[in-house]
Amino acid sequence: MNIGLTLAHWQCEQVIKKHSATFYRAFSTIQDKHRRQGIFAVYAFCRYVDDLIDEHHDLKGLHTYKSELDDFVKGYQKKGFRWLALDDTRKRFYADEKAFIPFYEMIEGQEFDAHPVRIETMDQLLKYADLVASSVGKMLLPMLAPNSQKDLSPFAVSLGRAFQLTNILRDIGEDYRRDRIYLPSILMKQYGYTEKDLKAQRVNPDFINVWENIAKIAEANYREAETWIAFFPNDIRFSLHASLVLYRAILDVIRRERYQVMNQKIYVSQVEKTKLLQALKENQSVKI
């Protein structure tokens, strides 16, 4: 038994447990411990990259971590629990260096966030979502469906876009205070919502039109991702579907809260999560 490796995997699990209760709840029930540990290792990597920019504003640190990734991909063992756990994951699930392309995409997306953000078109927004979110799905596919003969990357793209657009719609006020406007300027102009309105935190019909336009695209991606779940192994389908259902519910909660996303972070309550999961279990039982 490798005590250092066991500790590294435990530390990765604590990272996801602390920072993403939704994903932890969805994936901690996976029976195969190596697949479960691989998912936690990937999350720990992504969380660290995200925190370098969002929490520490450390672009130099991000570049240093990118250099460490270069060395790691070449086969050099790096220090730290994240690299130790990810190395174990690589040996078990990643066939070659191409598997690390999404890791670089994630870093590219965070480099974009290191500067004031202005998005012009929906295509640009979806490209950004692909870098910071769909990339994560691609990282996870070898653990989610290790023996699949089918290309499941469309699932990763659709779900990543859905998740990221949901994050953006939930965090509009917080992002603006970080000098980030992810609402496409063309869309804002179309509905007559200005940056001045955003600065004034106006939640008016124009804002709601912009928000709903993006929400509909998110929901279309949720529906597309849902069609791919049947191609995953039986033991992972419920976890994938649960993560989708729980995250999609954020949009409905925001609507119920009258789109008040400027000064509060809206969550799905534990009671509602329990109800949604119970309904999902009952629906799957009926299908069976």
Protein backbone atom coordinates (compact mmCIF):
# COMPACT_ATOMS: atom_id res chain seq x y z
CA MET A 1 0.00 0.00 0.00
CA ASN A 2 1.40 3.39 -1.05
CA ILE A 3 0.55 5.67 1.86
CA GLY A 4 1.65 8.81 0.00
CA LEU A 5 -0.61 8.02 -2.96
CA THR A 6 -3.53 7.14 -0.70
CA LEU A 7 -3.12 10.48 1.07
CA ALA A 8 -2.90 12.34 -2.25
CA HIS A 9 -6.17 10.84 -3.43
CA TRP A 10 -7.79 11.67 -0.09
CA GLN A 11 -6.63 15.29 -0.38
CA CYS A 12 -8.12 15.55 -3.87
CA GLU A 13 -11.39 14.20 -2.54
CA GLN A 14 -11.41 16.86 0.18
CA VAL A 15 -10.99 19.57 -2.47
CA ILE A 16 -14.11 18.56 -4.39
CA LYS A 17 -15.98 17.86 -1.17
CA LYS A 18 -15.26 21.39 0.04
CA HIS A 19 -15.79 23.34 -3.16
CA SER A 20 -18.49 21.48 -5.09
CA ALA A 21 -21.09 19.66 -3.05
CA THR A 22 -23.19 19.08 -6.17
CA PHE A 23 -20.47 17.26 -8.09
CA TYR A 24 -19.24 15.43 -5.04
CA ARG A 25 -22.72 14.18 -4.33
CA ALA A 26 -23.07 13.06 -7.94
CA PHE A 27 -19.77 11.21 -8.28
CA SER A 28 -18.83 9.98 -4.82
CA THR A 29 -21.17 7.00 -5.21
CA ILE A 30 -19.22 5.49 -8.13
CA GLN A 31 -18.29 1.98 -7.04
CA ASP A 32 -14.95 1.66 -8.83
CA LYS A 33 -12.52 3.53 -6.59
CA HIS A 34 -9.95 4.17 -9.31
CA ARG A 35 -12.48 5.84 -11.58
CA ARG A 36 -13.77 7.83 -8.61
CA GLN A 37 -10.25 8.85 -7.59
CA GLY A 38 -9.44 9.87 -11.16
CA ILE A 39 -12.44 12.19 -11.24
CA PHE A 40 -11.37 13.76 -7.94
CA ALA A 41 -7.79 14.17 -9.21
CA VAL A 42 -8.99 16.00 -12.31
CA TYR A 43 -11.25 18.23 -10.22
CA ALA A 44 -8.35 19.13 -7.90
CA PHE A 45 -6.21 20.12 -10.89
CA CYS A 46 -8.97 22.26 -12.37
CA ARG A 47 -9.83 23.87 -9.05
CA TYR A 48 -6.22 24.89 -8.48
CA VAL A 49 -5.95 26.42 -11.96
CA ASP A 50 -9.22 28.29 -11.45
CA ASP A 51 -8.19 29.58 -8.02
CA LEU A 52 -4.87 30.91 -9.32
CA ILE A 53 -6.81 33.50 -11.31
CA ASP A 54 -10.14 33.94 -9.51
CA GLU A 55 -8.80 33.97 -5.96
CA HIS A 56 -5.15 34.97 -6.25
CA HIS A 57 -5.01 36.90 -9.57
CA ASP A 58 -1.72 35.11 -10.17
CA LEU A 59 -1.09 34.97 -13.91
CA LYS A 60 2.61 34.29 -13.31
CA GLY A 61 1.64 31.35 -11.10
CA LEU A 62 -0.64 30.05 -13.86
CA HIS A 63 2.23 30.18 -16.35
CA THR A 64 4.43 28.35 -13.86
CA TYR A 65 1.77 25.66 -13.47
CA LYS A 66 1.54 25.37 -17.25
CA SER A 67 5.29 24.73 -17.33
CA GLU A 68 4.85 22.08 -14.64
CA LEU A 69 2.16 20.48 -16.80
CA ASP A 70 4.60 20.47 -19.73
CA ASP A 71 7.11 18.55 -17.62
CA PHE A 72 4.44 16.23 -16.24
CA VAL A 73 3.17 15.34 -19.73
CA LYS A 74 6.74 14.55 -20.78
CA GLY A 75 6.96 12.06 -17.92
CA TYR A 76 8.73 14.01 -15.21
CA GLN A 77 7.20 13.43 -11.77
CA LYS A 78 6.25 16.71 -10.14
CA LYS A 79 5.88 17.36 -6.42
CA GLY A 80 2.55 17.86 -4.71
CA PHE A 81 -0.53 15.78 -4.02
CA ARG A 82 -2.31 16.93 -7.20
CA TRP A 83 0.47 15.72 -9.47
CA LEU A 84 0.84 12.47 -7.53
CA ALA A 85 -2.87 11.67 -7.83
CA LEU A 86 -2.96 12.77 -11.47
CA ASP A 87 0.04 10.58 -12.27
CA ASP A 88 -1.81 7.56 -10.89
CA THR A 89 -4.81 8.55 -12.99
CA ARG A 90 -2.64 8.90 -16.09
CA LYS A 91 -1.23 5.39 -15.67
CA ARG A 92 -4.70 3.91 -15.33
CA PHE A 93 -6.78 5.91 -17.82
CA TYR A 94 -4.84 8.18 -20.19
CA ALA A 95 -3.46 6.37 -23.23
CA ASP A 96 -1.16 9.08 -24.58
CA GLU A 97 -0.21 12.75 -24.49
CA LYS A 98 -3.29 13.73 -26.53
CA ALA A 99 -5.36 13.10 -23.41
CA PHE A 100 -3.82 16.23 -21.91
CA ILE A 101 -5.00 18.63 -24.64
CA PRO A 102 -8.07 19.56 -22.53
CA PHE A 103 -5.80 20.39 -19.59
CA TYR A 104 -4.10 23.02 -21.74
CA GLU A 105 -7.50 24.27 -22.93
CA MET A 106 -8.50 24.83 -19.32
CA ILE A 107 -5.37 26.89 -18.71
CA GLU A 108 -6.00 28.92 -21.88
CA GLY A 109 -9.47 29.74 -20.62
CA GLN A 110 -8.12 30.90 -17.28
CA GLU A 111 -5.54 33.07 -19.05
CA PHE A 112 -8.48 34.78 -20.76
CA ASP A 113 -10.03 35.45 -17.35
CA ALA A 114 -6.84 37.04 -16.06
CA HIS A 115 -7.72 40.23 -17.94
CA PRO A 116 -10.88 42.36 -18.12
CA VAL A 117 -13.45 40.32 -20.01
CA ARG A 118 -15.72 41.58 -22.76
CA ILE A 119 -17.56 39.11 -25.01
CA GLU A 120 -18.96 40.32 -28.32
CA THR A 121 -20.83 37.34 -29.80
CA MET A 122 -22.51 34.15 -28.65
CA ASP A 123 -19.94 32.15 -30.63
CA GLN A 124 -17.18 33.77 -28.57
CA LEU A 125 -19.06 32.92 -25.38
CA LEU A 126 -19.45 29.28 -26.40
CA LYS A 127 -15.75 29.12 -27.31
CA TYR A 128 -14.92 30.38 -23.83
CA ALA A 129 -17.28 27.79 -22.30
CA ASP A 130 -15.53 25.08 -24.30
CA LEU A 131 -12.15 26.15 -22.89
CA VAL A 132 -13.08 26.35 -19.22
CA ALA A 133 -15.86 23.76 -18.94
CA SER A 134 -16.17 21.38 -21.88
CA SER A 135 -12.47 20.73 -21.41
CA VAL A 136 -13.24 19.29 -17.96
CA GLY A 137 -15.73 16.85 -19.44
CA LYS A 138 -13.13 15.69 -21.95
CA MET A 139 -10.65 15.15 -19.10
CA LEU A 140 -13.19 13.00 -17.28
CA LEU A 141 -14.38 10.82 -20.18
CA PRO A 142 -11.67 8.15 -19.72
CA MET A 143 -12.93 7.58 -16.16
CA LEU A 144 -16.61 7.97 -16.95
CA ALA A 145 -16.58 5.49 -19.85
CA PRO A 146 -13.22 3.71 -19.81
CA ASN A 147 -14.13 1.02 -22.35
CA SER A 148 -16.31 3.02 -24.72
CA GLN A 149 -15.81 2.50 -28.44
CA LYS A 150 -17.96 5.56 -29.17
CA ASP A 151 -16.72 9.14 -29.31
CA LEU A 152 -18.45 10.73 -26.34
CA SER A 153 -16.85 14.16 -26.72
CA PRO A 154 -20.15 15.72 -27.96
CA PHE A 155 -21.54 14.93 -24.51
CA ALA A 156 -18.62 16.71 -22.85
CA VAL A 157 -19.06 19.74 -25.10
CA SER A 158 -22.82 20.04 -24.57
CA LEU A 159 -22.75 19.53 -20.81
CA GLY A 160 -19.73 21.79 -20.38
CA ARG A 161 -21.47 24.58 -22.27
CA ALA A 162 -24.66 24.10 -20.27
CA PHE A 163 -22.81 24.19 -16.96
CA GLN A 164 -20.73 27.24 -17.84
CA LEU A 165 -23.63 29.25 -19.21
CA THR A 166 -25.50 28.44 -16.00
CA ASN A 167 -22.54 29.68 -13.96
CA ILE A 168 -22.43 32.88 -15.98
CA LEU A 169 -26.16 33.51 -15.56
CA ARG A 170 -25.89 32.94 -11.82
CA ASP A 171 -22.79 35.09 -11.28
CA ILE A 172 -23.49 38.17 -13.41
CA GLY A 173 -23.12 40.65 -10.56
CA GLU A 174 -20.05 39.00 -9.07
CA ASP A 175 -18.38 38.80 -12.47
CA TYR A 176 -19.07 42.47 -13.19
CA ARG A 177 -17.33 43.42 -9.95
CA ARG A 178 -14.32 41.47 -11.25
CA ASP A 179 -14.46 43.50 -14.49
CA ARG A 180 -15.87 40.57 -16.43
CA ILE A 181 -18.91 40.86 -18.67
CA TYR A 182 -19.77 37.56 -20.28
CA LEU A 183 -23.11 38.75 -21.65
CA PRO A 184 -22.43 39.16 -25.39
CA SER A 185 -22.46 42.83 -26.35
CA ILE A 186 -24.39 42.09 -29.55
CA LEU A 187 -27.12 40.44 -27.48
CA MET A 188 -27.20 43.33 -25.02
CA LYS A 189 -27.51 45.79 -27.90
CA GLN A 190 -30.28 43.70 -29.46
CA TYR A 191 -32.42 44.02 -26.33
CA GLY A 192 -31.36 47.54 -25.36
CA TYR A 193 -29.48 46.59 -22.19
CA THR A 194 -26.32 48.64 -21.64
CA GLU A 195 -23.18 48.37 -19.57
CA LYS A 196 -24.46 51.40 -17.70
CA ASP A 197 -27.56 49.35 -16.78
CA LEU A 198 -25.32 46.54 -15.62
CA LYS A 199 -23.27 48.89 -13.49
CA ALA A 200 -26.50 50.16 -11.93
CA GLN A 201 -27.55 46.53 -11.30
CA ARG A 202 -30.80 46.99 -13.19
CA VAL A 203 -32.90 43.86 -13.45
CA ASN A 204 -35.47 45.04 -15.94
CA PRO A 205 -37.30 43.46 -18.92
CA ASP A 206 -34.29 44.13 -21.17
CA PHE A 207 -32.01 42.28 -18.76
CA ILE A 208 -34.46 39.39 -18.47
CA ASN A 209 -34.59 39.09 -22.27
CA VAL A 210 -30.78 38.86 -22.46
CA TRP A 211 -30.71 36.37 -19.57
CA GLU A 212 -33.45 34.17 -21.04
CA ASN A 213 -31.80 34.14 -24.46
CA ILE A 214 -28.66 32.64 -22.94
CA ALA A 215 -30.66 30.39 -20.62
CA LYS A 216 -32.47 28.84 -23.58
CA ILE A 217 -29.12 27.99 -25.18
CA ALA A 218 -27.99 26.45 -21.90
CA GLU A 219 -31.18 24.40 -21.66
CA ALA A 220 -30.81 23.21 -25.27
CA ASN A 221 -27.32 21.98 -24.37
CA TYR A 222 -28.68 20.22 -21.29
CA ARG A 223 -31.20 18.42 -23.50
CA GLU A 224 -28.50 17.46 -26.00
CA ALA A 225 -26.24 16.13 -23.23
CA GLU A 226 -29.15 14.14 -21.82
CA THR A 227 -29.43 12.18 -25.07
CA TRP A 228 -25.89 10.86 -24.61
CA ILE A 229 -26.26 9.46 -21.10
CA ALA A 230 -27.50 6.08 -22.40
CA PHE A 231 -24.10 5.51 -24.04
CA PHE A 232 -22.30 5.48 -20.67
CA PRO A 233 -21.85 2.43 -18.45
CA ASN A 234 -24.81 1.58 -16.24
CA ASP A 235 -22.95 2.37 -13.03
CA ILE A 236 -22.27 5.97 -14.05
CA ARG A 237 -25.54 6.97 -15.72
CA PHE A 238 -27.35 8.03 -12.57
CA SER A 239 -24.40 10.14 -11.38
CA LEU A 240 -24.16 11.91 -14.73
CA HIS A 241 -27.88 12.48 -14.92
CA ALA A 242 -27.96 13.69 -11.33
CA SER A 243 -25.24 16.29 -11.93
CA LEU A 244 -27.15 17.51 -14.99
CA VAL A 245 -30.51 17.70 -13.21
CA LEU A 246 -29.12 19.43 -10.12
CA TYR A 247 -27.23 22.06 -12.09
CA ARG A 248 -30.05 22.72 -14.55
CA ALA A 249 -32.31 23.42 -11.57
CA ILE A 250 -30.24 26.53 -10.78
CA LEU A 251 -31.87 28.26 -13.75
CA ASP A 252 -35.37 27.59 -12.43
CA VAL A 253 -34.42 28.83 -8.96
CA ILE A 254 -33.09 32.07 -10.48
CA ARG A 255 -36.38 32.53 -12.28
CA ARG A 256 -38.29 31.99 -9.05
CA GLU A 257 -36.04 34.54 -7.38
CA ARG A 258 -37.01 37.07 -10.08
CA TYR A 259 -33.53 37.08 -11.68
CA GLN A 260 -31.87 38.66 -8.64
CA VAL A 261 -28.32 37.66 -9.53
CA MET A 262 -26.61 41.00 -8.98
CA ASN A 263 -25.89 40.77 -5.25
CA GLN A 264 -26.53 37.18 -4.26
CA LYS A 265 -25.40 33.73 -5.31
CA ILE A 266 -28.39 31.52 -5.88
CA TYR A 267 -28.30 27.83 -4.97
CA VAL A 268 -30.63 24.88 -5.15
CA SER A 269 -31.62 24.02 -1.57
CA GLN A 270 -30.77 20.66 -0.05
CA VAL A 271 -34.49 19.91 0.23
CA GLU A 272 -35.01 20.56 -3.47
CA LYS A 273 -31.91 18.55 -4.40
CA THR A 274 -33.29 15.59 -2.47
CA LYS A 275 -36.64 15.89 -4.25
CA LEU A 276 -34.99 16.13 -7.66
CA LEU A 277 -32.82 13.09 -7.04
CA GLN A 278 -35.77 11.10 -5.75
CA ALA A 279 -37.80 12.00 -8.84
CA LEU A 280 -34.86 11.00 -11.05
CA LYS A 281 -34.59 7.62 -9.31
CA GLU A 282 -38.32 6.99 -9.70
CA ASN A 283 -38.22 7.96 -13.37
CA GLN A 284 -35.33 5.59 -14.06
CA SER A 285 -37.14 2.79 -12.25
CA VAL A 286 -40.19 3.29 -14.45
CA LYS A 287 -38.03 3.15 -17.60
CA ILE A 288 -36.40 -0.06 -16.43
